Amino acid sequence: MKDMQAEKRELEILNVTKCLTPAKDKLLAAMKLNEDSFLAFMDDATLGKYIAQSKVQDVENNVQAYEQIARLCN
């Protein structure tokens, strides 16, 4: 968890081109959803499992959007 949070903080302060800013935002959104899922699971394994499962599609959508935007900027 600590490593995930550190990676997110590094990305937050990373300067990117104007073209890559939306991609960075999508990746940060995916990381936040993933972090929230882990925290929910750590707080209550049973309930957290359902919360995490409900966020999987949102994480995947954000990662796919990140990849599409990043490809367009290269």
C-alpha atoms as a PDB file:
ATOM      1  CA  MET A   1       0.000   0.000   0.000  1.00  0.00           C
ATOM      2  CA  LYS A   2       2.797   2.367   0.924  1.00  0.00           C
ATOM      3  CA  ASP A   3       4.478   1.794  -2.445  1.00  0.00           C
ATOM      4  CA  MET A   4       1.230   2.394  -4.342  1.00  0.00           C
ATOM      5  CA  GLN A   5       0.700   5.672  -2.509  1.00  0.00           C
ATOM      6  CA  ALA A   6       4.296   6.733  -3.181  1.00  0.00           C
ATOM      7  CA  GLU A   7       3.923   6.000  -6.893  1.00  0.00           C
ATOM      8  CA  LYS A   8       0.706   8.016  -7.003  1.00  0.00           C
ATOM      9  CA  ARG A   9       2.397  10.975  -5.300  1.00  0.00           C
ATOM     10  CA  GLU A  10       5.271  10.791  -7.791  1.00  0.00           C
ATOM     11  CA  LEU A  11       2.833  10.864 -10.687  1.00  0.00           C
ATOM     12  CA  GLU A  12       0.902  13.770  -9.158  1.00  0.00           C
ATOM     13  CA  ILE A  13       3.980  16.004  -9.228  1.00  0.00           C
ATOM     14  CA  LEU A  14       5.261  14.781 -12.597  1.00  0.00           C
ATOM     15  CA  ASN A  15       5.222  17.481 -15.272  1.00  0.00           C
ATOM     16  CA  VAL A  16       3.789  16.236 -18.549  1.00  0.00           C
ATOM     17  CA  THR A  17       2.955  17.856 -21.856  1.00  0.00           C
ATOM     18  CA  LYS A  18      -0.444  19.408 -22.407  1.00  0.00           C
ATOM     19  CA  CYS A  19      -1.296  16.468 -24.646  1.00  0.00           C
ATOM     20  CA  LEU A  20      -0.486  13.949 -21.902  1.00  0.00           C
ATOM     21  CA  THR A  21      -2.311  15.784 -19.091  1.00  0.00           C
ATOM     22  CA  PRO A  22      -5.633  13.967 -19.737  1.00  0.00           C
ATOM     23  CA  ALA A  23      -3.759  10.637 -19.811  1.00  0.00           C
ATOM     24  CA  LYS A  24      -2.084  11.463 -16.507  1.00  0.00           C
ATOM     25  CA  ASP A  25      -5.489  12.352 -15.026  1.00  0.00           C
ATOM     26  CA  LYS A  26      -6.958   9.003 -16.136  1.00  0.00           C
ATOM     27  CA  LEU A  27      -4.020   7.101 -14.681  1.00  0.00           C
ATOM     28  CA  LEU A  28      -4.327   9.005 -11.390  1.00  0.00           C
ATOM     29  CA  ALA A  29      -8.056   8.219 -11.293  1.00  0.00           C
ATOM     30  CA  ALA A  30      -7.318   4.510 -11.795  1.00  0.00           C
ATOM     31  CA  MET A  31      -4.673   4.604  -9.067  1.00  0.00           C
ATOM     32  CA  LYS A  32      -7.096   6.334  -6.669  1.00  0.00           C
ATOM     33  CA  LEU A  33      -9.804   3.732  -7.312  1.00  0.00           C
ATOM     34  CA  ASN A  34      -7.276   0.947  -6.768  1.00  0.00           C
ATOM     35  CA  GLU A  35      -6.072   2.553  -3.536  1.00  0.00           C
ATOM     36  CA  ASP A  36      -9.663   2.977  -2.308  1.00  0.00           C
ATOM     37  CA  SER A  37     -10.340  -0.689  -3.060  1.00  0.00           C
ATOM     38  CA  PHE A  38      -7.323  -1.847  -1.059  1.00  0.00           C
ATOM     39  CA  LEU A  39      -8.251   0.394   1.868  1.00  0.00           C
ATOM     40  CA  ALA A  40     -11.828  -0.895   1.856  1.00  0.00           C
ATOM     41  CA  PHE A  41     -10.589  -4.484   1.826  1.00  0.00           C
ATOM     42  CA  MET A  42      -8.116  -3.811   4.649  1.00  0.00           C
ATOM     43  CA  ASP A  43     -10.892  -2.200   6.694  1.00  0.00           C
ATOM     44  CA  ASP A  44     -13.387  -5.039   6.224  1.00  0.00           C
ATOM     45  CA  ALA A  45     -12.351  -8.040   4.133  1.00  0.00           C
ATOM     46  CA  THR A  46     -15.890  -9.180   3.338  1.00  0.00           C
ATOM     47  CA  LEU A  47     -17.398  -5.811   2.482  1.00  0.00           C
ATOM     48  CA  GLY A  48     -14.136  -4.577   0.991  1.00  0.00           C
ATOM     49  CA  LYS A  49     -14.105  -7.469  -1.462  1.00  0.00           C
ATOM     50  CA  TYR A  50     -17.450  -6.321  -2.873  1.00  0.00           C
ATOM     51  CA  ILE A  51     -16.381  -2.688  -2.946  1.00  0.00           C
ATOM     52  CA  ALA A  52     -13.177  -3.619  -4.762  1.00  0.00           C
ATOM     53  CA  GLN A  53     -15.054  -5.759  -7.281  1.00  0.00           C
ATOM     54  CA  SER A  54     -17.439  -2.893  -7.998  1.00  0.00           C
ATOM     55  CA  LYS A  55     -14.497  -0.630  -8.885  1.00  0.00           C
ATOM     56  CA  VAL A  56     -12.667  -3.044 -11.193  1.00  0.00           C
ATOM     57  CA  GLN A  57     -14.476  -1.887 -14.344  1.00  0.00           C
ATOM     58  CA  ASP A  58     -13.865   1.777 -13.494  1.00  0.00           C
ATOM     59  CA  VAL A  59     -10.150   1.073 -13.033  1.00  0.00           C
ATOM     60  CA  GLU A  60     -10.012  -0.793 -16.349  1.00  0.00           C
ATOM     61  CA  ASN A  61     -11.883   2.010 -18.146  1.00  0.00           C
ATOM     62  CA  ASN A  62      -9.480   4.629 -16.811  1.00  0.00           C
ATOM     63  CA  VAL A  63      -6.427   2.554 -17.746  1.00  0.00           C
ATOM     64  CA  GLN A  64      -7.774   1.994 -21.263  1.00  0.00           C
ATOM     65  CA  ALA A  65      -8.471   5.721 -21.655  1.00  0.00           C
ATOM     66  CA  TYR A  66      -4.953   6.483 -20.396  1.00  0.00           C
ATOM     67  CA  GLU A  67      -3.444   4.105 -22.959  1.00  0.00           C
ATOM     68  CA  GLN A  68      -5.512   5.527 -25.826  1.00  0.00           C
ATOM     69  CA  ILE A  69      -4.635   9.128 -24.989  1.00  0.00           C
ATOM     70  CA  ALA A  70      -0.957   8.311 -24.475  1.00  0.00           C
ATOM     71  CA  ARG A  71      -0.791   6.592 -27.886  1.00  0.00           C
ATOM     72  CA  LEU A  72      -2.277   9.668 -29.561  1.00  0.00           C
ATOM     73  CA  CYS A  73       0.386  11.888 -28.011  1.00  0.00           C
ATOM     74  CA  ASN A  74       3.331   9.873 -29.322  1.00  0.00           C
END
